[in-house]
Amino acid sequence: MKVIYPGTFDPVTEGHLDIIRRAAGIFEELEVAVVDRSSKSMVFDTETRVNLVGSAVKEKGIAGAITVCSFDGLLIDYMHKQGFLLFIRGLRANSDFEYEFQMQLMNRRLAPEITGIYMMPSEHNMYLSSTVVKEVAKFGGSLDTLVTASVKKALKDHYRRN
């Protein structure tokens, strides 16, 4: 069975990689789908985020049939087009639950045949978010346990220029 893991991944964190690693161990095929457009303010463009996810997966040596791509529009439309019936998302806290619950109900209304599976990251990644990582990077904090080396370099380069 194949599954899609959608997100902005701006940037991909150790928490995302935790979910990717575990999903790759459960499902025959995993597609990490980077959202092309978002209401969120992005640090990296779509192509960079796709490349950083791919690099991070390689750096971590995550095994499995993993592809990384981007999509624009509604997740359910992309899933229909690509033949996915199952997506996976991470849940860290109550705020994630409320957002994901709302999105799941809307997805179910629009496409009842599509199912979401929710995974909690390991305890040491429960607090980790792309927003927190960007804040640490912006103010020069240590990123060593938060992201891979390629993501760390990209963040440092970005904040050095801006």
C-alpha atoms as a PDB file:
ATOM      1  CA  MET A   1       0.000   0.000   0.000  1.00  0.00           C
ATOM      2  CA  LYS A   2       1.185   3.530  -0.730  1.00  0.00           C
ATOM      3  CA  VAL A   3       0.789   6.649   1.389  1.00  0.00           C
ATOM      4  CA  ILE A   4       1.399  10.356   0.930  1.00  0.00           C
ATOM      5  CA  TYR A   5       2.875  12.651   3.588  1.00  0.00           C
ATOM      6  CA  PRO A   6       1.944  16.242   2.680  1.00  0.00           C
ATOM      7  CA  GLY A   7       3.311  19.363   4.292  1.00  0.00           C
ATOM      8  CA  THR A   8       5.093  22.637   3.781  1.00  0.00           C
ATOM      9  CA  PHE A   9       8.398  21.311   5.178  1.00  0.00           C
ATOM     10  CA  ASP A  10       9.787  24.845   5.533  1.00  0.00           C
ATOM     11  CA  PRO A  11      12.223  23.479   6.554  1.00  0.00           C
ATOM     12  CA  VAL A  12      12.121  19.724   7.026  1.00  0.00           C
ATOM     13  CA  THR A  13      12.974  18.944  10.672  1.00  0.00           C
ATOM     14  CA  GLU A  14      14.041  15.900  12.657  1.00  0.00           C
ATOM     15  CA  GLY A  15      10.367  15.596  13.658  1.00  0.00           C
ATOM     16  CA  HIS A  16       9.331  15.272  10.000  1.00  0.00           C
ATOM     17  CA  LEU A  17      12.137  12.781   9.403  1.00  0.00           C
ATOM     18  CA  ASP A  18      10.939  10.756  12.389  1.00  0.00           C
ATOM     19  CA  ILE A  19       7.504  10.433  10.742  1.00  0.00           C
ATOM     20  CA  ILE A  20       9.076   9.707   7.325  1.00  0.00           C
ATOM     21  CA  ARG A  21      11.295   6.965   8.801  1.00  0.00           C
ATOM     22  CA  ARG A  22       8.409   5.251  10.553  1.00  0.00           C
ATOM     23  CA  ALA A  23       6.006   5.581   7.616  1.00  0.00           C
ATOM     24  CA  ALA A  24       8.637   4.195   5.225  1.00  0.00           C
ATOM     25  CA  GLY A  25       8.914   1.163   7.505  1.00  0.00           C
ATOM     26  CA  ILE A  26       5.170   0.524   7.409  1.00  0.00           C
ATOM     27  CA  PHE A  27       4.129   1.313   3.837  1.00  0.00           C
ATOM     28  CA  GLU A  28       5.435  -0.082   0.559  1.00  0.00           C
ATOM     29  CA  GLU A  29       5.617   3.372  -1.024  1.00  0.00           C
ATOM     30  CA  LEU A  30       5.849   6.790   0.593  1.00  0.00           C
ATOM     31  CA  GLU A  31       5.524  10.067  -1.274  1.00  0.00           C
ATOM     32  CA  VAL A  32       6.556  13.177   0.607  1.00  0.00           C
ATOM     33  CA  ALA A  33       4.514  15.931  -1.037  1.00  0.00           C
ATOM     34  CA  VAL A  34       5.686  19.493  -0.514  1.00  0.00           C
ATOM     35  CA  VAL A  35       2.876  22.037  -0.729  1.00  0.00           C
ATOM     36  CA  ASP A  36       3.712  24.509  -3.478  1.00  0.00           C
ATOM     37  CA  ARG A  37       1.594  27.338  -2.143  1.00  0.00           C
ATOM     38  CA  SER A  38       0.494  27.992   1.376  1.00  0.00           C
ATOM     39  CA  SER A  39      -1.070  30.691   3.479  1.00  0.00           C
ATOM     40  CA  LYS A  40       2.096  30.494   5.573  1.00  0.00           C
ATOM     41  CA  SER A  41       5.045  32.792   4.938  1.00  0.00           C
ATOM     42  CA  MET A  42       7.843  30.641   3.501  1.00  0.00           C
ATOM     43  CA  VAL A  43      11.590  30.957   3.974  1.00  0.00           C
ATOM     44  CA  PHE A  44      12.417  28.594   1.094  1.00  0.00           C
ATOM     45  CA  ASP A  45      10.858  28.288  -2.341  1.00  0.00           C
ATOM     46  CA  THR A  46       9.197  25.031  -3.355  1.00  0.00           C
ATOM     47  CA  GLU A  47      12.124  23.631  -5.334  1.00  0.00           C
ATOM     48  CA  THR A  48      14.510  24.254  -2.434  1.00  0.00           C
ATOM     49  CA  ARG A  49      12.143  22.581   0.040  1.00  0.00           C
ATOM     50  CA  VAL A  50      11.782  19.526  -2.238  1.00  0.00           C
ATOM     51  CA  ASN A  51      15.574  19.308  -2.561  1.00  0.00           C
ATOM     52  CA  LEU A  52      16.103  19.732   1.190  1.00  0.00           C
ATOM     53  CA  VAL A  53      13.625  16.945   1.999  1.00  0.00           C
ATOM     54  CA  GLY A  54      15.392  14.655  -0.481  1.00  0.00           C
ATOM     55  CA  SER A  55      18.824  15.530   0.932  1.00  0.00           C
ATOM     56  CA  ALA A  56      17.663  15.078   4.518  1.00  0.00           C
ATOM     57  CA  VAL A  57      16.185  11.627   3.774  1.00  0.00           C
ATOM     58  CA  LYS A  58      19.505  10.584   2.175  1.00  0.00           C
ATOM     59  CA  GLU A  59      21.598  12.063   4.993  1.00  0.00           C
ATOM     60  CA  LYS A  60      19.591  10.088   7.539  1.00  0.00           C
ATOM     61  CA  GLY A  61      19.854   6.906   5.461  1.00  0.00           C
ATOM     62  CA  ILE A  62      16.113   6.336   5.595  1.00  0.00           C
ATOM     63  CA  ALA A  63      15.374   3.188   3.641  1.00  0.00           C
ATOM     64  CA  GLY A  64      12.296   2.483   1.598  1.00  0.00           C
ATOM     65  CA  ALA A  65      10.559   3.494  -1.588  1.00  0.00           C
ATOM     66  CA  ILE A  66      10.444   7.229  -0.890  1.00  0.00           C
ATOM     67  CA  THR A  67       9.803   9.913  -3.476  1.00  0.00           C
ATOM     68  CA  VAL A  68       9.674  13.646  -2.930  1.00  0.00           C
ATOM     69  CA  CYS A  69       7.586  15.951  -5.109  1.00  0.00           C
ATOM     70  CA  SER A  70       5.496  19.095  -4.895  1.00  0.00           C
ATOM     71  CA  PHE A  71       1.839  19.837  -5.493  1.00  0.00           C
ATOM     72  CA  ASP A  72      -0.444  22.816  -5.685  1.00  0.00           C
ATOM     73  CA  GLY A  73      -4.100  23.019  -4.737  1.00  0.00           C
ATOM     74  CA  LEU A  74      -6.227  20.756  -2.595  1.00  0.00           C
ATOM     75  CA  LEU A  75      -4.567  17.653  -1.209  1.00  0.00           C
ATOM     76  CA  ILE A  76      -7.560  15.474  -2.108  1.00  0.00           C
ATOM     77  CA  ASP A  77      -7.427  16.627  -5.739  1.00  0.00           C
ATOM     78  CA  TYR A  78      -3.736  15.753  -5.936  1.00  0.00           C
ATOM     79  CA  MET A  79      -4.392  12.409  -4.248  1.00  0.00           C
ATOM     80  CA  HIS A  80      -7.132  11.545  -6.743  1.00  0.00           C
ATOM     81  CA  LYS A  81      -4.866  12.487  -9.641  1.00  0.00           C
ATOM     82  CA  GLN A  82      -1.990  10.344  -8.301  1.00  0.00           C
ATOM     83  CA  GLY A  83      -4.107   7.409  -7.115  1.00  0.00           C
ATOM     84  CA  PHE A  84      -3.625   7.807  -3.359  1.00  0.00           C
ATOM     85  CA  LEU A  85      -6.325   6.863  -0.866  1.00  0.00           C
ATOM     86  CA  LEU A  86      -4.268   7.332   2.293  1.00  0.00           C
ATOM     87  CA  PHE A  87      -2.312  10.237   3.752  1.00  0.00           C
ATOM     88  CA  ILE A  88      -0.256  10.518   6.886  1.00  0.00           C
ATOM     89  CA  ARG A  89       0.243  13.522   9.153  1.00  0.00           C
ATOM     90  CA  GLY A  90       2.118  14.150  12.377  1.00  0.00           C
ATOM     91  CA  LEU A  91       0.461  15.287  15.603  1.00  0.00           C
ATOM     92  CA  ARG A  92       2.454  17.013  18.324  1.00  0.00           C
ATOM     93  CA  ALA A  93       0.046  18.885  20.561  1.00  0.00           C
ATOM     94  CA  ASN A  94      -3.589  19.817  21.082  1.00  0.00           C
ATOM     95  CA  SER A  95      -3.248  22.681  18.614  1.00  0.00           C
ATOM     96  CA  ASP A  96      -2.163  20.209  15.914  1.00  0.00           C
ATOM     97  CA  PHE A  97      -5.071  17.957  16.816  1.00  0.00           C
ATOM     98  CA  GLU A  98      -7.657  20.720  16.456  1.00  0.00           C
ATOM     99  CA  TYR A  99      -6.287  21.831  13.076  1.00  0.00           C
ATOM    100  CA  GLU A 100      -5.920  18.277  11.731  1.00  0.00           C
ATOM    101  CA  PHE A 101      -9.357  17.281  13.041  1.00  0.00           C
ATOM    102  CA  GLN A 102     -10.950  20.174  11.186  1.00  0.00           C
ATOM    103  CA  MET A 103      -9.031  19.381   7.986  1.00  0.00           C
ATOM    104  CA  GLN A 104      -9.910  15.671   8.231  1.00  0.00           C
ATOM    105  CA  LEU A 105     -13.601  16.443   8.545  1.00  0.00           C
ATOM    106  CA  MET A 106     -13.471  18.707   5.499  1.00  0.00           C
ATOM    107  CA  ASN A 107     -11.485  16.148   3.505  1.00  0.00           C
ATOM    108  CA  ARG A 108     -13.984  13.475   4.487  1.00  0.00           C
ATOM    109  CA  ARG A 109     -16.852  15.652   3.304  1.00  0.00           C
ATOM    110  CA  LEU A 110     -15.146  16.355  -0.038  1.00  0.00           C
ATOM    111  CA  ALA A 111     -13.666  12.882  -0.569  1.00  0.00           C
ATOM    112  CA  PRO A 112     -15.036  10.207   1.801  1.00  0.00           C
ATOM    113  CA  GLU A 113     -12.883   7.503   0.184  1.00  0.00           C
ATOM    114  CA  ILE A 114      -9.672   9.204   1.367  1.00  0.00           C
ATOM    115  CA  THR A 115      -8.385   8.393   4.838  1.00  0.00           C
ATOM    116  CA  GLY A 116      -5.924  10.165   7.093  1.00  0.00           C
ATOM    117  CA  ILE A 117      -3.592   8.402   9.511  1.00  0.00           C
ATOM    118  CA  TYR A 118      -1.989  10.431  12.287  1.00  0.00           C
ATOM    119  CA  MET A 119       1.329   9.621  13.940  1.00  0.00           C
ATOM    120  CA  MET A 120       2.923  11.201  16.959  1.00  0.00           C
ATOM    121  CA  PRO A 121       6.644  11.899  16.767  1.00  0.00           C
ATOM    122  CA  SER A 122       9.094  10.503  19.275  1.00  0.00           C
ATOM    123  CA  GLU A 123       9.121  12.255  22.632  1.00  0.00           C
ATOM    124  CA  HIS A 124      12.300  14.211  21.885  1.00  0.00           C
ATOM    125  CA  ASN A 125      10.632  15.706  18.786  1.00  0.00           C
ATOM    126  CA  MET A 126       7.252  16.582  20.312  1.00  0.00           C
ATOM    127  CA  TYR A 127       8.068  20.301  20.638  1.00  0.00           C
ATOM    128  CA  LEU A 128       9.806  20.577  17.278  1.00  0.00           C
ATOM    129  CA  SER A 129       8.227  22.593  14.481  1.00  0.00           C
ATOM    130  CA  SER A 130       9.526  24.358  11.401  1.00  0.00           C
ATOM    131  CA  THR A 131       8.507  27.653  12.997  1.00  0.00           C
ATOM    132  CA  VAL A 132      10.610  26.969  16.100  1.00  0.00           C
ATOM    133  CA  VAL A 133      13.560  25.855  13.960  1.00  0.00           C
ATOM    134  CA  LYS A 134      13.400  29.053  11.879  1.00  0.00           C
ATOM    135  CA  GLU A 135      13.321  31.144  15.050  1.00  0.00           C
ATOM    136  CA  VAL A 136      16.385  29.355  16.455  1.00  0.00           C
ATOM    137  CA  ALA A 137      18.195  29.761  13.119  1.00  0.00           C
ATOM    138  CA  LYS A 138      17.275  33.436  12.820  1.00  0.00           C
ATOM    139  CA  PHE A 139      18.903  34.226  16.153  1.00  0.00           C
ATOM    140  CA  GLY A 140      21.951  32.003  15.665  1.00  0.00           C
ATOM    141  CA  GLY A 141      21.035  29.179  18.035  1.00  0.00           C
ATOM    142  CA  SER A 142      22.293  25.629  17.674  1.00  0.00           C
ATOM    143  CA  LEU A 143      20.433  23.588  15.043  1.00  0.00           C
ATOM    144  CA  ASP A 144      22.522  20.439  15.552  1.00  0.00           C
ATOM    145  CA  THR A 145      19.744  18.237  16.948  1.00  0.00           C
ATOM    146  CA  LEU A 146      16.889  19.920  15.093  1.00  0.00           C
ATOM    147  CA  VAL A 147      17.744  19.460  11.400  1.00  0.00           C
ATOM    148  CA  THR A 148      20.227  17.690   9.141  1.00  0.00           C
ATOM    149  CA  ALA A 149      23.506  19.272   8.018  1.00  0.00           C
ATOM    150  CA  SER A 150      22.145  20.313   4.605  1.00  0.00           C
ATOM    151  CA  VAL A 151      19.111  22.010   6.158  1.00  0.00           C
ATOM    152  CA  LYS A 152      21.312  23.684   8.772  1.00  0.00           C
ATOM    153  CA  LYS A 153      23.534  25.094   6.007  1.00  0.00           C
ATOM    154  CA  ALA A 154      20.543  26.307   3.982  1.00  0.00           C
ATOM    155  CA  LEU A 155      19.044  28.058   7.017  1.00  0.00           C
ATOM    156  CA  LYS A 156      22.337  29.693   7.994  1.00  0.00           C
ATOM    157  CA  ASP A 157      22.876  30.871   4.412  1.00  0.00           C
ATOM    158  CA  HIS A 158      19.348  32.266   4.262  1.00  0.00           C
ATOM    159  CA  TYR A 159      19.606  34.213   7.510  1.00  0.00           C
ATOM    160  CA  ARG A 160      23.107  35.426   6.675  1.00  0.00           C
ATOM    161  CA  ARG A 161      21.721  36.980   3.452  1.00  0.00           C
ATOM    162  CA  ASN A 162      18.573  38.403   5.037  1.00  0.00           C
END
